[in-house]
């Protein structure tokens, strides 16, 4: 049976720092960030989650990708703190 090599000291340090920081902001995809930009409008984390949950009710059956995108964003928002949410830079990368 093969075993993965043990992480180096620098890899362990990076993993520890990442864990201490809490939520990894890079876990949001570009599409999730854009979706949150559209629905955030100055909302708190809970407010954004409420708006996204409400929006899901209006999706058509064929809007599977948007539903999956929304559920992914909601799951990630649910794992972060309000402080971490406040650090997000919710600016769309498209022209409005």
Protein backbone atom coordinates (compact mmCIF):
# COMPACT_ATOMS: atom_id res chain seq x y z
CA UNK A 1 0.00 0.00 0.00
CA UNK A 2 1.41 3.39 -1.01
CA UNK A 3 1.29 6.31 1.38
CA UNK A 4 1.37 9.96 0.45
CA UNK A 5 4.56 11.69 1.51
CA UNK A 6 4.34 13.63 4.74
CA UNK A 7 3.81 17.37 4.22
CA UNK A 8 6.90 19.52 4.49
CA UNK A 9 7.35 21.97 7.31
CA UNK A 10 6.38 24.93 5.10
CA UNK A 11 3.24 23.08 3.93
CA UNK A 12 2.26 22.39 7.55
CA UNK A 13 2.80 26.05 8.44
CA UNK A 14 0.66 27.19 5.49
CA UNK A 15 -2.10 24.74 6.45
CA UNK A 16 -2.03 25.93 10.06
CA UNK A 17 -2.20 29.60 9.04
CA UNK A 18 -5.08 28.87 6.68
CA UNK A 19 -6.96 27.07 9.45
CA UNK A 20 -6.37 29.93 11.90
CA UNK A 21 -7.66 32.49 9.44
CA UNK A 22 -11.02 30.75 9.37
CA UNK A 23 -13.02 30.77 6.16
CA UNK A 24 -10.99 30.65 2.95
CA UNK A 25 -12.40 33.44 0.77
CA UNK A 26 -11.03 31.75 -2.36
CA UNK A 27 -13.56 28.95 -1.95
CA UNK A 28 -16.21 31.06 -3.67
CA UNK A 29 -16.22 30.63 -7.43
CA UNK A 30 -16.29 33.66 -9.69
CA UNK A 31 -19.91 32.88 -10.56
CA UNK A 32 -20.86 32.61 -6.88
CA UNK A 33 -19.23 35.98 -6.19
CA UNK A 34 -21.14 37.56 -9.09
CA UNK A 35 -24.41 36.05 -7.87
CA UNK A 36 -23.79 37.41 -4.38
CA UNK A 37 -23.00 40.84 -5.86
CA UNK A 38 -26.34 40.89 -7.63
CA UNK A 39 -28.33 40.02 -4.50
CA UNK A 40 -26.25 41.59 -1.71
CA UNK A 41 -27.03 45.32 -2.15
CA UNK A 42 -25.60 46.21 1.24
CA UNK A 43 -27.09 43.19 2.95
CA UNK A 44 -25.69 41.39 5.92
CA UNK A 45 -24.71 37.75 5.52
CA UNK A 46 -28.10 36.67 6.91
CA UNK A 47 -29.88 39.15 4.63
CA UNK A 48 -28.07 37.86 1.56
CA UNK A 49 -28.83 34.28 2.53
CA UNK A 50 -32.50 35.19 2.91
CA UNK A 51 -32.58 36.89 -0.52
CA UNK A 52 -30.90 33.93 -2.20
CA UNK A 53 -33.26 31.49 -0.50
CA UNK A 54 -36.24 33.57 -1.64
CA UNK A 55 -34.89 33.77 -5.20
CA UNK A 56 -34.70 29.97 -5.40
CA UNK A 57 -38.50 29.81 -5.12
CA UNK A 58 -38.83 31.59 -8.47
CA UNK A 59 -36.48 29.40 -10.47
CA UNK A 60 -37.92 27.35 -13.29
CA UNK A 61 -37.31 23.59 -13.53
CA UNK A 62 -34.78 24.05 -16.33
CA UNK A 63 -32.65 26.51 -14.32
CA UNK A 64 -30.69 23.69 -12.73
CA UNK A 65 -27.31 25.39 -13.02
CA UNK A 66 -28.54 28.54 -11.30
CA UNK A 67 -30.09 26.45 -8.56
CA UNK A 68 -26.83 24.57 -8.01
CA UNK A 69 -24.86 27.82 -8.05
CA UNK A 70 -27.22 29.36 -5.49
CA UNK A 71 -27.14 26.33 -3.23
CA UNK A 72 -23.33 26.28 -3.36
CA UNK A 73 -23.14 29.94 -2.40
CA UNK A 74 -25.66 29.43 0.41
CA UNK A 75 -23.71 26.47 1.79
CA UNK A 76 -20.48 28.46 1.83
CA UNK A 77 -22.16 31.53 3.33
CA UNK A 78 -23.51 29.28 6.08
CA UNK A 79 -20.00 28.21 7.10
CA UNK A 80 -18.54 31.68 7.48
CA UNK A 81 -18.93 34.27 10.22
CA UNK A 82 -20.46 37.73 9.82
CA UNK A 83 -16.97 39.19 10.30
CA UNK A 84 -15.60 37.08 7.45
CA UNK A 85 -18.55 38.10 5.28
CA UNK A 86 -17.77 41.73 6.02
CA UNK A 87 -14.30 41.22 4.58
CA UNK A 88 -15.63 40.03 1.22
CA UNK A 89 -15.26 42.47 -1.62
CA UNK A 90 -18.56 42.06 -3.39
CA UNK A 91 -17.90 43.88 -6.63
CA UNK A 92 -19.06 42.25 -9.86
CA UNK A 93 -16.53 41.53 -12.56
CA UNK A 94 -19.02 42.44 -15.26
CA UNK A 95 -20.55 45.71 -16.43
CA UNK A 96 -23.89 46.54 -14.89
